[in-house]
Amino acid sequence: MARKTKEEALETRNHLLDAAEDVFHRAGYARTTLEAVAEAAGLTRGAIYWHFKNKSDLFNAMCERVRLPMEELASSGVNSNNEDPLGHLRSVCIFFLTQTANDVHMRKVFDILYYKCEFVDRADPAYIRQQEAFLNGRERLTKLLELAVEKRQLSNDVDIPLAAVMFHAGIDGAIRNWLFADQAFDLVAYAERLVDACLDTIRYSQSLRKKP
């Protein structure tokens, strides 16, 4: 019976997260209320408070549901035994781009993050968590590029912090632009070439070399 109760609780939690996706996507972060999410889920507001402390906690959980698997996948390549860090980075980014296009939850959450968020309070836990996720992602990327230098996949004169900024901006910009106007280009068809272009820029651009 206890196991069934845990399964039911998880099912309810996921149902609330699905409803939250719909409401945040429709109304935006600032205008969404817990009452609206409860109504969309066909549950009471008390059911929300059983699983989440407040709106920020609900929002962060909604984001983590799609973000954590990607973070774990990216982090799995940051170790000294990885002999192909650039290959790992390439595979993760291609998967990330194609999943954004094909997975309805991921697409909706990123659309919310890019275009439906009005973080007016920088002390809001939701804003703080999104900034942490951004900085942690940049740190993982930087470590992968440093490992690529160690494994001699990149020249040791590559300016790694600058290269990480450029690469992150390229992938992030591709997703942002596609979400804004998905008819403008085929994200799945372009995924491999977009990632390879970013990697080639790191490999060959003189602008990404350390200053003497």
N, C-alpha and C. Protein backbone atom coordinates (compact mmCIF):
# COMPACT_ATOMS: atom_id res chain seq x y z
N MET A 1 0.83 -1.20 0.00
CA MET A 1 0.00 0.00 0.00
C MET A 1 0.87 1.26 0.00
N ALA A 2 1.98 1.23 0.78
CA ALA A 2 2.86 2.39 0.84
C ALA A 2 3.45 2.69 -0.53
N ARG A 3 3.81 1.61 -1.24
CA ARG A 3 4.40 1.80 -2.56
C ARG A 3 3.38 2.44 -3.50
N LYS A 4 2.15 2.00 -3.42
CA LYS A 4 1.10 2.56 -4.26
C LYS A 4 0.90 4.03 -3.93
N THR A 5 0.97 4.39 -2.66
CA THR A 5 0.81 5.78 -2.26
C THR A 5 1.92 6.64 -2.84
N LYS A 6 3.15 6.16 -2.83
CA LYS A 6 4.28 6.90 -3.41
C LYS A 6 4.09 7.07 -4.91
N GLU A 7 3.63 6.03 -5.57
CA GLU A 7 3.40 6.11 -7.01
C GLU A 7 2.30 7.11 -7.32
N GLU A 8 1.27 7.10 -6.51
CA GLU A 8 0.18 8.05 -6.72
C GLU A 8 0.64 9.49 -6.47
N ALA A 9 1.47 9.66 -5.45
CA ALA A 9 1.99 11.00 -5.16
C ALA A 9 2.85 11.51 -6.31
N LEU A 10 3.67 10.63 -6.89
CA LEU A 10 4.51 11.01 -8.02
C LEU A 10 3.65 11.34 -9.24
N GLU A 11 2.60 10.56 -9.43
CA GLU A 11 1.70 10.82 -10.55
C GLU A 11 1.01 12.18 -10.38
N THR A 12 0.59 12.49 -9.16
CA THR A 12 -0.04 13.78 -8.90
C THR A 12 0.95 14.92 -9.11
N ARG A 13 2.18 14.72 -8.65
CA ARG A 13 3.21 15.74 -8.82
C ARG A 13 3.45 16.03 -10.30
N ASN A 14 3.58 14.99 -11.10
CA ASN A 14 3.81 15.18 -12.53
C ASN A 14 2.60 15.81 -13.20
N HIS A 15 1.42 15.47 -12.74
CA HIS A 15 0.21 16.07 -13.28
C HIS A 15 0.19 17.58 -12.99
N LEU A 16 0.63 17.96 -11.80
CA LEU A 16 0.71 19.37 -11.45
C LEU A 16 1.76 20.09 -12.30
N LEU A 17 2.87 19.43 -12.54
CA LEU A 17 3.92 20.03 -13.37
C LEU A 17 3.45 20.21 -14.81
N ASP A 18 2.69 19.24 -15.31
CA ASP A 18 2.11 19.38 -16.65
C ASP A 18 1.17 20.58 -16.71
N ALA A 19 0.33 20.71 -15.69
CA ALA A 19 -0.60 21.83 -15.64
C ALA A 19 0.15 23.15 -15.51
N ALA A 20 1.22 23.16 -14.71
CA ALA A 20 2.01 24.38 -14.54
C ALA A 20 2.64 24.80 -15.87
N GLU A 21 3.14 23.84 -16.63
CA GLU A 21 3.69 24.16 -17.95
C GLU A 21 2.67 24.90 -18.80
N ASP A 22 1.45 24.38 -18.83
CA ASP A 22 0.40 24.98 -19.65
C ASP A 22 0.07 26.40 -19.19
N VAL A 23 -0.05 26.57 -17.87
CA VAL A 23 -0.45 27.88 -17.35
C VAL A 23 0.68 28.90 -17.48
N PHE A 24 1.91 28.52 -17.12
CA PHE A 24 3.04 29.44 -17.27
C PHE A 24 3.23 29.81 -18.75
N HIS A 25 3.02 28.84 -19.62
CA HIS A 25 3.20 29.10 -21.06
C HIS A 25 2.13 30.05 -21.57
N ARG A 26 0.96 29.94 -21.04
CA ARG A 26 -0.15 30.79 -21.49
C ARG A 26 -0.10 32.18 -20.86
N ALA A 27 0.19 32.25 -19.57
CA ALA A 27 0.07 33.52 -18.84
C ALA A 27 1.40 34.19 -18.53
N GLY A 28 2.51 33.45 -18.61
CA GLY A 28 3.78 34.01 -18.19
C GLY A 28 4.02 33.80 -16.71
N TYR A 29 5.25 34.03 -16.27
CA TYR A 29 5.59 33.75 -14.88
C TYR A 29 4.87 34.70 -13.91
N ALA A 30 4.94 35.99 -14.18
CA ALA A 30 4.41 36.97 -13.21
C ALA A 30 2.91 36.84 -13.03
N ARG A 31 2.18 36.55 -14.09
CA ARG A 31 0.71 36.54 -14.00
C ARG A 31 0.13 35.19 -13.60
N THR A 32 0.96 34.17 -13.52
CA THR A 32 0.46 32.86 -13.12
C THR A 32 0.22 32.81 -11.61
N THR A 33 -0.89 32.22 -11.22
CA THR A 33 -1.19 32.03 -9.80
C THR A 33 -1.32 30.54 -9.51
N LEU A 34 -1.13 30.18 -8.26
CA LEU A 34 -1.30 28.78 -7.87
C LEU A 34 -2.75 28.35 -8.04
N GLU A 35 -3.67 29.28 -7.87
CA GLU A 35 -5.08 28.96 -8.08
C GLU A 35 -5.33 28.54 -9.53
N ALA A 36 -4.69 29.24 -10.46
CA ALA A 36 -4.86 28.92 -11.87
C ALA A 36 -4.27 27.55 -12.20
N VAL A 37 -3.13 27.23 -11.60
CA VAL A 37 -2.51 25.93 -11.83
C VAL A 37 -3.38 24.82 -11.25
N ALA A 38 -3.90 25.04 -10.04
CA ALA A 38 -4.77 24.04 -9.41
C ALA A 38 -6.01 23.81 -10.25
N GLU A 39 -6.59 24.89 -10.77
CA GLU A 39 -7.79 24.76 -11.60
C GLU A 39 -7.48 23.99 -12.87
N ALA A 40 -6.34 24.29 -13.50
CA ALA A 40 -5.95 23.60 -14.72
C ALA A 40 -5.71 22.11 -14.46
N ALA A 41 -5.23 21.80 -13.27
CA ALA A 41 -4.96 20.40 -12.92
C ALA A 41 -6.19 19.68 -12.41
N GLY A 42 -7.25 20.44 -12.13
CA GLY A 42 -8.45 19.83 -11.55
C GLY A 42 -8.25 19.40 -10.11
N LEU A 43 -7.39 20.14 -9.39
CA LEU A 43 -7.09 19.82 -8.00
C LEU A 43 -7.24 21.08 -7.15
N THR A 44 -7.08 20.92 -5.85
CA THR A 44 -7.16 22.06 -4.96
C THR A 44 -5.78 22.71 -4.81
N ARG A 45 -5.77 23.96 -4.32
CA ARG A 45 -4.49 24.61 -4.07
C ARG A 45 -3.72 23.88 -2.98
N GLY A 46 -4.45 23.24 -2.07
CA GLY A 46 -3.79 22.45 -1.03
C GLY A 46 -2.95 21.33 -1.60
N ALA A 47 -3.41 20.76 -2.73
CA ALA A 47 -2.64 19.69 -3.37
C ALA A 47 -1.30 20.22 -3.87
N ILE A 48 -1.30 21.46 -4.32
CA ILE A 48 -0.04 22.07 -4.76
C ILE A 48 0.90 22.24 -3.57
N TYR A 49 0.37 22.75 -2.46
CA TYR A 49 1.22 22.98 -1.28
C TYR A 49 1.72 21.68 -0.65
N TRP A 50 1.08 20.58 -0.96
CA TRP A 50 1.57 19.29 -0.48
C TRP A 50 2.89 18.94 -1.16
N HIS A 51 3.03 19.39 -2.41
CA HIS A 51 4.22 19.04 -3.18
C HIS A 51 5.22 20.19 -3.33
N PHE A 52 4.73 21.44 -3.28
CA PHE A 52 5.59 22.59 -3.55
C PHE A 52 5.34 23.69 -2.52
N LYS A 53 6.40 24.41 -2.15
CA LYS A 53 6.29 25.42 -1.11
C LYS A 53 5.55 26.67 -1.58
N ASN A 54 5.78 27.04 -2.84
CA ASN A 54 5.19 28.28 -3.37
C ASN A 54 5.34 28.27 -4.90
N LYS A 55 5.01 29.37 -5.53
CA LYS A 55 5.07 29.43 -6.99
C LYS A 55 6.50 29.28 -7.51
N SER A 56 7.45 29.89 -6.83
CA SER A 56 8.85 29.76 -7.26
C SER A 56 9.31 28.31 -7.21
N ASP A 57 8.93 27.61 -6.16
CA ASP A 57 9.31 26.20 -6.02
C ASP A 57 8.68 25.36 -7.12
N LEU A 58 7.42 25.64 -7.43
CA LEU A 58 6.74 24.94 -8.52
C LEU A 58 7.41 25.22 -9.85
N PHE A 59 7.73 26.48 -10.09
CA PHE A 59 8.38 26.87 -11.35
C PHE A 59 9.73 26.19 -11.50
N ASN A 60 10.54 26.20 -10.43
CA ASN A 60 11.86 25.57 -10.49
C ASN A 60 11.74 24.07 -10.72
N ALA A 61 10.77 23.42 -10.08
CA ALA A 61 10.58 21.98 -10.27
C ALA A 61 10.19 21.69 -11.71
N MET A 62 9.37 22.53 -12.29
CA MET A 62 8.97 22.36 -13.68
C MET A 62 10.19 22.44 -14.60
N CYS A 63 11.07 23.38 -14.31
CA CYS A 63 12.29 23.53 -15.12
C CYS A 63 13.25 22.36 -14.90
N GLU A 64 13.40 21.95 -13.64
CA GLU A 64 14.34 20.87 -13.33
C GLU A 64 13.94 19.57 -14.00
N ARG A 65 12.66 19.36 -14.19
CA ARG A 65 12.20 18.10 -14.78
C ARG A 65 12.78 17.89 -16.17
N VAL A 66 12.99 18.96 -16.92
CA VAL A 66 13.58 18.82 -18.25
C VAL A 66 15.08 19.12 -18.23
N ARG A 67 15.52 19.94 -17.24
CA ARG A 67 16.91 20.34 -17.24
C ARG A 67 17.84 19.29 -16.65
N LEU A 68 17.45 18.64 -15.56
CA LEU A 68 18.35 17.74 -14.85
C LEU A 68 18.89 16.60 -15.71
N PRO A 69 18.05 15.94 -16.52
CA PRO A 69 18.61 14.88 -17.37
C PRO A 69 19.70 15.40 -18.31
N MET A 70 19.51 16.62 -18.84
CA MET A 70 20.52 17.21 -19.72
C MET A 70 21.79 17.56 -18.94
N GLU A 71 21.63 18.07 -17.72
CA GLU A 71 22.78 18.41 -16.89
C GLU A 71 23.59 17.16 -16.53
N GLU A 72 22.89 16.09 -16.21
CA GLU A 72 23.57 14.84 -15.87
C GLU A 72 24.32 14.29 -17.08
N LEU A 73 23.70 14.39 -18.26
CA LEU A 73 24.35 13.91 -19.47
C LEU A 73 25.60 14.73 -19.76
N ALA A 74 25.51 16.04 -19.63
CA ALA A 74 26.66 16.90 -19.89
C ALA A 74 27.77 16.65 -18.87
N SER A 75 27.40 16.50 -17.60
CA SER A 75 28.39 16.30 -16.54
C SER A 75 29.12 14.97 -16.65
N SER A 76 28.47 13.99 -17.28
CA SER A 76 29.08 12.65 -17.37
C SER A 76 30.39 12.66 -18.16
N GLY A 77 30.60 13.68 -18.99
CA GLY A 77 31.83 13.73 -19.78
C GLY A 77 32.96 14.48 -19.13
N VAL A 78 32.69 15.11 -17.99
CA VAL A 78 33.72 15.90 -17.32
C VAL A 78 34.49 15.02 -16.35
N ASN A 79 35.36 14.21 -16.88
CA ASN A 79 36.24 13.39 -16.04
C ASN A 79 37.49 13.05 -16.84
N SER A 80 38.58 12.81 -16.15
CA SER A 80 39.88 12.63 -16.80
C SER A 80 39.94 11.38 -17.66
N ASN A 81 39.01 10.44 -17.47
CA ASN A 81 38.99 9.22 -18.28
C ASN A 81 38.33 9.42 -19.64
N ASN A 82 37.73 10.55 -19.84
CA ASN A 82 37.09 10.84 -21.12
C ASN A 82 38.15 11.23 -22.14
N GLU A 83 38.39 10.37 -23.10
CA GLU A 83 39.42 10.63 -24.11
C GLU A 83 38.90 11.46 -25.29
N ASP A 84 37.60 11.72 -25.32
CA ASP A 84 37.03 12.47 -26.44
C ASP A 84 36.04 13.52 -25.91
N PRO A 85 36.54 14.51 -25.16
CA PRO A 85 35.63 15.51 -24.60
C PRO A 85 34.89 16.33 -25.65
N LEU A 86 35.54 16.64 -26.78
CA LEU A 86 34.84 17.39 -27.81
C LEU A 86 33.76 16.53 -28.47
N GLY A 87 34.02 15.25 -28.61
CA GLY A 87 33.00 14.35 -29.15
C GLY A 87 31.81 14.26 -28.22
N HIS A 88 32.10 14.24 -26.93
CA HIS A 88 31.02 14.21 -25.93
C HIS A 88 30.22 15.50 -26.00
N LEU A 89 30.91 16.64 -26.05
CA LEU A 89 30.24 17.93 -26.13
C LEU A 89 29.38 18.01 -27.39
N ARG A 90 29.92 17.52 -28.49
CA ARG A 90 29.17 17.54 -29.75
C ARG A 90 27.89 16.72 -29.64
N SER A 91 28.01 15.52 -29.11
CA SER A 91 26.84 14.63 -28.99
C SER A 91 25.78 15.22 -28.08
N VAL A 92 26.21 15.79 -26.95
CA VAL A 92 25.27 16.38 -26.00
C VAL A 92 24.52 17.55 -26.63
N CYS A 93 25.25 18.41 -27.33
CA CYS A 93 24.62 19.59 -27.92
C CYS A 93 23.66 19.22 -29.04
N ILE A 94 24.03 18.25 -29.88
CA ILE A 94 23.13 17.81 -30.94
C ILE A 94 21.86 17.22 -30.33
N PHE A 95 22.02 16.40 -29.30
CA PHE A 95 20.87 15.83 -28.61
C PHE A 95 20.01 16.93 -28.00
N PHE A 96 20.66 17.92 -27.41
CA PHE A 96 19.96 19.03 -26.78
C PHE A 96 19.11 19.79 -27.80
N LEU A 97 19.68 20.08 -28.95
CA LEU A 97 18.95 20.81 -29.99
C LEU A 97 17.77 19.99 -30.52
N THR A 98 18.00 18.73 -30.80
CA THR A 98 16.93 17.91 -31.36
C THR A 98 15.84 17.64 -30.33
N GLN A 99 16.22 17.47 -29.06
CA GLN A 99 15.21 17.28 -28.02
C GLN A 99 14.36 18.52 -27.83
N THR A 100 14.97 19.68 -27.95
CA THR A 100 14.20 20.92 -27.84
C THR A 100 13.11 20.97 -28.90
N ALA A 101 13.45 20.50 -30.09
CA ALA A 101 12.47 20.51 -31.18
C ALA A 101 11.43 19.41 -31.05
N ASN A 102 11.83 18.26 -30.52
CA ASN A 102 10.95 17.09 -30.56
C ASN A 102 10.22 16.78 -29.26
N ASP A 103 10.75 17.22 -28.11
CA ASP A 103 10.14 16.91 -26.82
C ASP A 103 9.23 18.06 -26.41
N VAL A 104 7.94 17.78 -26.26
CA VAL A 104 6.98 18.84 -26.01
C VAL A 104 7.23 19.54 -24.68
N HIS A 105 7.66 18.80 -23.65
CA HIS A 105 7.92 19.42 -22.35
C HIS A 105 9.13 20.35 -22.43
N MET A 106 10.19 19.89 -23.06
CA MET A 106 11.40 20.70 -23.15
C MET A 106 11.14 21.96 -23.97
N ARG A 107 10.45 21.80 -25.07
CA ARG A 107 10.17 22.96 -25.92
C ARG A 107 9.34 23.99 -25.16
N LYS A 108 8.33 23.53 -24.46
CA LYS A 108 7.44 24.45 -23.74
C LYS A 108 8.18 25.16 -22.61
N VAL A 109 9.01 24.42 -21.87
CA VAL A 109 9.74 25.03 -20.75
C VAL A 109 10.73 26.06 -21.25
N PHE A 110 11.45 25.76 -22.32
CA PHE A 110 12.41 26.73 -22.83
C PHE A 110 11.71 27.94 -23.44
N ASP A 111 10.55 27.73 -24.03
CA ASP A 111 9.78 28.86 -24.53
C ASP A 111 9.36 29.77 -23.37
N ILE A 112 8.99 29.15 -22.25
CA ILE A 112 8.65 29.93 -21.05
C ILE A 112 9.87 30.71 -20.56
N LEU A 113 11.01 30.04 -20.45
CA LEU A 113 12.21 30.67 -19.92
C LEU A 113 12.67 31.83 -20.80
N TYR A 114 12.59 31.67 -22.12
CA TYR A 114 13.08 32.70 -23.02
C TYR A 114 12.09 33.83 -23.23
N TYR A 115 10.80 33.49 -23.28
CA TYR A 115 9.84 34.49 -23.74
C TYR A 115 8.65 34.74 -22.82
N LYS A 116 8.52 33.98 -21.73
CA LYS A 116 7.36 34.15 -20.87
C LYS A 116 7.74 34.45 -19.42
N CYS A 117 8.97 34.86 -19.17
CA CYS A 117 9.42 35.13 -17.81
C CYS A 117 9.59 36.63 -17.59
N GLU A 118 8.98 37.12 -16.55
CA GLU A 118 9.12 38.52 -16.16
C GLU A 118 9.66 38.54 -14.73
N PHE A 119 10.96 38.31 -14.58
CA PHE A 119 11.56 38.29 -13.25
C PHE A 119 11.83 39.73 -12.82
N VAL A 120 10.90 40.30 -12.08
CA VAL A 120 11.06 41.69 -11.65
C VAL A 120 11.78 41.79 -10.30
N ASP A 121 11.90 40.68 -9.62
CA ASP A 121 12.55 40.66 -8.30
C ASP A 121 13.76 39.73 -8.36
N ARG A 122 14.94 40.28 -8.28
CA ARG A 122 16.15 39.47 -8.38
C ARG A 122 16.38 38.63 -7.14
N ALA A 123 15.60 38.87 -6.10
CA ALA A 123 15.67 38.03 -4.90
C ALA A 123 14.71 36.85 -4.98
N ASP A 124 13.92 36.79 -6.04
CA ASP A 124 12.98 35.69 -6.24
C ASP A 124 13.79 34.39 -6.39
N PRO A 125 13.48 33.34 -5.62
CA PRO A 125 14.21 32.08 -5.74
C PRO A 125 14.20 31.51 -7.16
N ALA A 126 13.15 31.78 -7.91
CA ALA A 126 13.11 31.29 -9.29
C ALA A 126 14.19 31.98 -10.13
N TYR A 127 14.34 33.29 -9.97
CA TYR A 127 15.38 34.02 -10.69
C TYR A 127 16.77 33.53 -10.28
N ILE A 128 16.96 33.36 -8.99
CA ILE A 128 18.26 32.91 -8.48
C ILE A 128 18.62 31.54 -9.03
N ARG A 129 17.63 30.63 -9.06
CA ARG A 129 17.90 29.27 -9.56
C ARG A 129 18.21 29.28 -11.05
N GLN A 130 17.53 30.11 -11.82
CA GLN A 130 17.81 30.17 -13.25
C GLN A 130 19.21 30.71 -13.52
N GLN A 131 19.60 31.69 -12.73
CA GLN A 131 20.95 32.22 -12.88
C GLN A 131 22.00 31.18 -12.49
N GLU A 132 21.74 30.44 -11.41
CA GLU A 132 22.65 29.38 -10.99
C GLU A 132 22.79 28.33 -12.08
N ALA A 133 21.66 27.94 -12.69
CA ALA A 133 21.70 26.93 -13.73
C ALA A 133 22.52 27.42 -14.92
N PHE A 134 22.36 28.68 -15.26
CA PHE A 134 23.14 29.27 -16.36
C PHE A 134 24.64 29.21 -16.06
N LEU A 135 25.02 29.65 -14.87
CA LEU A 135 26.43 29.69 -14.50
C LEU A 135 27.01 28.28 -14.36
N ASN A 136 26.23 27.34 -13.85
CA ASN A 136 26.70 25.95 -13.73
C ASN A 136 26.91 25.34 -15.11
N GLY A 137 26.02 25.66 -16.03
CA GLY A 137 26.19 25.17 -17.39
C GLY A 137 27.45 25.71 -18.04
N ARG A 138 27.72 26.99 -17.82
CA ARG A 138 28.94 27.59 -18.36
C ARG A 138 30.17 26.94 -17.73
N GLU A 139 30.11 26.63 -16.46
CA GLU A 139 31.24 25.99 -15.78
C GLU A 139 31.50 24.59 -16.35
N ARG A 140 30.43 23.81 -16.59
CA ARG A 140 30.62 22.48 -17.18
C ARG A 140 31.22 22.57 -18.58
N LEU A 141 30.76 23.53 -19.35
CA LEU A 141 31.31 23.73 -20.69
C LEU A 141 32.78 24.10 -20.63
N THR A 142 33.12 24.98 -19.72
CA THR A 142 34.52 25.39 -19.57
C THR A 142 35.40 24.21 -19.20
N LYS A 143 34.93 23.36 -18.30
CA LYS A 143 35.72 22.19 -17.90
C LYS A 143 35.90 21.22 -19.05
N LEU A 144 34.88 21.05 -19.88
CA LEU A 144 35.01 20.16 -21.04
C LEU A 144 36.04 20.71 -22.03
N LEU A 145 36.02 22.02 -22.23
CA LEU A 145 37.00 22.62 -23.15
C LEU A 145 38.41 22.53 -22.57
N GLU A 146 38.55 22.71 -21.27
CA GLU A 146 39.87 22.55 -20.63
C GLU A 146 40.35 21.11 -20.78
N LEU A 147 39.44 20.16 -20.64
CA LEU A 147 39.80 18.76 -20.81
C LEU A 147 40.21 18.49 -22.26
N ALA A 148 39.56 19.16 -23.20
CA ALA A 148 39.90 19.00 -24.61
C ALA A 148 41.32 19.50 -24.88
N VAL A 149 41.73 20.55 -24.20
CA VAL A 149 43.11 21.03 -24.32
C VAL A 149 44.06 19.98 -23.74
N GLU A 150 43.70 19.45 -22.59
CA GLU A 150 44.52 18.43 -21.93
C GLU A 150 44.69 17.19 -22.81
N LYS A 151 43.61 16.82 -23.53
CA LYS A 151 43.65 15.64 -24.41
C LYS A 151 44.16 15.99 -25.81
N ARG A 152 44.63 17.21 -25.99
CA ARG A 152 45.22 17.70 -27.24
C ARG A 152 44.22 17.71 -28.40
N GLN A 153 42.96 17.88 -28.06
CA GLN A 153 41.96 18.09 -29.10
C GLN A 153 41.86 19.57 -29.47
N LEU A 154 42.32 20.43 -28.58
CA LEU A 154 42.38 21.86 -28.83
C LEU A 154 43.79 22.35 -28.52
N SER A 155 44.17 23.42 -29.21
CA SER A 155 45.47 24.03 -28.97
C SER A 155 45.50 24.65 -27.58
N ASN A 156 46.67 24.63 -26.96
CA ASN A 156 46.77 25.17 -25.59
C ASN A 156 46.77 26.70 -25.56
N ASP A 157 46.69 27.34 -26.73
CA ASP A 157 46.60 28.80 -26.73
C ASP A 157 45.15 29.28 -26.91
N VAL A 158 44.20 28.36 -26.88
CA VAL A 158 42.79 28.76 -26.95
C VAL A 158 42.41 29.47 -25.66
N ASP A 159 41.74 30.61 -25.80
CA ASP A 159 41.24 31.35 -24.64
C ASP A 159 39.95 30.66 -24.20
N ILE A 160 40.07 29.74 -23.25
CA ILE A 160 38.95 28.89 -22.86
C ILE A 160 37.74 29.68 -22.34
N PRO A 161 37.91 30.64 -21.42
CA PRO A 161 36.72 31.38 -20.96
C PRO A 161 36.00 32.10 -22.09
N LEU A 162 36.75 32.70 -23.01
CA LEU A 162 36.13 33.39 -24.14
C LEU A 162 35.47 32.38 -25.08
N ALA A 163 36.13 31.25 -25.32
CA ALA A 163 35.56 30.22 -26.19
C ALA A 163 34.25 29.68 -25.61
N ALA A 164 34.21 29.52 -24.29
CA ALA A 164 32.99 29.03 -23.64
C ALA A 164 31.84 30.02 -23.83
N VAL A 165 32.14 31.32 -23.71
CA VAL A 165 31.11 32.35 -23.93
C VAL A 165 30.59 32.27 -25.36
N MET A 166 31.50 32.17 -26.33
CA MET A 166 31.10 32.12 -27.73
C MET A 166 30.27 30.89 -28.04
N PHE A 167 30.74 29.72 -27.57
CA PHE A 167 30.04 28.47 -27.87
C PHE A 167 28.65 28.47 -27.24
N HIS A 168 28.58 28.88 -25.99
CA HIS A 168 27.30 28.90 -25.28
C HIS A 168 26.32 29.85 -25.98
N ALA A 169 26.82 31.00 -26.42
CA ALA A 169 25.97 31.97 -27.10
C ALA A 169 25.46 31.41 -28.43
N GLY A 170 26.30 30.64 -29.12
CA GLY A 170 25.89 30.06 -30.39
C GLY A 170 24.76 29.05 -30.24
N ILE A 171 24.90 28.13 -29.29
CA ILE A 171 23.86 27.11 -29.08
C ILE A 171 22.60 27.75 -28.49
N ASP A 172 22.79 28.60 -27.51
CA ASP A 172 21.66 29.28 -26.88
C ASP A 172 20.91 30.14 -27.89
N GLY A 173 21.65 30.85 -28.74
CA GLY A 173 21.03 31.71 -29.74
C GLY A 173 20.25 30.92 -30.77
N ALA A 174 20.76 29.76 -31.16
CA ALA A 174 20.05 28.93 -32.13
C ALA A 174 18.69 28.50 -31.57
N ILE A 175 18.68 28.09 -30.32
CA ILE A 175 17.43 27.66 -29.69
C ILE A 175 16.47 28.85 -29.54
N ARG A 176 16.98 29.96 -29.07
CA ARG A 176 16.15 31.14 -28.86
C ARG A 176 15.51 31.60 -30.18
N ASN A 177 16.31 31.65 -31.24
CA ASN A 177 15.80 32.09 -32.53
C ASN A 177 14.76 31.13 -33.08
N TRP A 178 15.01 29.82 -32.92
CA TRP A 178 14.06 28.83 -33.44
C TRP A 178 12.75 28.88 -32.67
N LEU A 179 12.82 29.05 -31.36
CA LEU A 179 11.60 29.15 -30.57
C LEU A 179 10.79 30.39 -30.96
N PHE A 180 11.47 31.46 -31.28
CA PHE A 180 10.79 32.69 -31.66
C PHE A 180 10.08 32.56 -33.01
N ALA A 181 10.71 31.83 -33.95
CA ALA A 181 10.12 31.67 -35.29
C ALA A 181 10.55 30.32 -35.84
N ASP A 182 9.84 29.26 -35.42
CA ASP A 182 10.29 27.91 -35.78
C ASP A 182 10.14 27.60 -37.26
N GLN A 183 9.43 28.48 -38.00
CA GLN A 183 9.32 28.28 -39.43
C GLN A 183 10.53 28.85 -40.19
N ALA A 184 11.39 29.55 -39.46
CA ALA A 184 12.52 30.21 -40.11
C ALA A 184 13.60 29.22 -40.55
N PHE A 185 13.78 28.13 -39.79
CA PHE A 185 14.75 27.11 -40.17
C PHE A 185 14.43 25.83 -39.43
N ASP A 186 14.97 24.73 -39.95
CA ASP A 186 14.73 23.40 -39.39
C ASP A 186 15.83 23.11 -38.36
N LEU A 187 15.50 23.22 -37.08
CA LEU A 187 16.50 23.05 -36.03
C LEU A 187 17.09 21.64 -36.03
N VAL A 188 16.27 20.63 -36.27
CA VAL A 188 16.76 19.26 -36.28
C VAL A 188 17.70 19.03 -37.46
N ALA A 189 17.31 19.51 -38.63
CA ALA A 189 18.14 19.31 -39.82
C ALA A 189 19.48 20.05 -39.71
N TYR A 190 19.47 21.19 -39.02
CA TYR A 190 20.68 21.99 -38.90
C TYR A 190 21.52 21.65 -37.67
N ALA A 191 21.01 20.82 -36.79
CA ALA A 191 21.64 20.63 -35.48
C ALA A 191 23.12 20.26 -35.58
N GLU A 192 23.45 19.23 -36.35
CA GLU A 192 24.84 18.79 -36.43
C GLU A 192 25.74 19.88 -36.98
N ARG A 193 25.31 20.54 -38.04
CA ARG A 193 26.15 21.56 -38.68
C ARG A 193 26.30 22.79 -37.80
N LEU A 194 25.25 23.15 -37.06
CA LEU A 194 25.36 24.27 -36.14
C LEU A 194 26.39 24.00 -35.05
N VAL A 195 26.32 22.79 -34.48
CA VAL A 195 27.29 22.44 -33.42
C VAL A 195 28.69 22.36 -34.00
N ASP A 196 28.85 21.74 -35.17
CA ASP A 196 30.18 21.64 -35.78
C ASP A 196 30.75 23.02 -36.11
N ALA A 197 29.89 23.95 -36.52
CA ALA A 197 30.36 25.30 -36.82
C ALA A 197 30.89 25.97 -35.56
N CYS A 198 30.22 25.77 -34.45
CA CYS A 198 30.68 26.33 -33.18
C CYS A 198 32.01 25.71 -32.75
N LEU A 199 32.13 24.41 -32.92
CA LEU A 199 33.38 23.73 -32.56
C LEU A 199 34.52 24.15 -33.49
N ASP A 200 34.23 24.29 -34.78
CA ASP A 200 35.27 24.72 -35.73
C ASP A 200 35.75 26.13 -35.41
N THR A 201 34.85 26.98 -34.95
CA THR A 201 35.25 28.33 -34.56
C THR A 201 36.25 28.29 -33.41
N ILE A 202 36.01 27.42 -32.45
CA ILE A 202 36.95 27.29 -31.34
C ILE A 202 38.29 26.75 -31.84
N ARG A 203 38.23 25.78 -32.73
CA ARG A 203 39.47 25.16 -33.23
C ARG A 203 40.33 26.14 -34.03
N TYR A 204 39.70 26.96 -34.86
CA TYR A 204 40.47 27.68 -35.89
C TYR A 204 40.45 29.20 -35.77
N SER A 205 39.54 29.78 -35.01
CA SER A 205 39.45 31.24 -34.97
C SER A 205 40.63 31.85 -34.22
N GLN A 206 41.32 32.77 -34.89
CA GLN A 206 42.44 33.47 -34.25
C GLN A 206 41.94 34.44 -33.17
N SER A 207 40.67 34.84 -33.29
CA SER A 207 40.10 35.75 -32.30
C SER A 207 39.90 35.09 -30.96
N LEU A 208 39.95 33.74 -30.94
CA LEU A 208 39.78 33.00 -29.68
C LEU A 208 41.11 32.52 -29.12
N ARG A 209 42.21 33.08 -29.63
CA ARG A 209 43.52 32.74 -29.07
C ARG A 209 43.89 33.71 -27.93
N LYS A 210 44.65 33.21 -26.98
CA LYS A 210 45.07 34.04 -25.86
C LYS A 210 45.92 35.21 -26.37
N LYS A 211 45.73 36.34 -25.74
CA LYS A 211 46.54 37.50 -26.09
C LYS A 211 47.96 37.33 -25.56
N PRO A 212 48.97 37.74 -26.34
CA PRO A 212 50.36 37.62 -25.88
C PRO A 212 50.59 38.38 -24.59
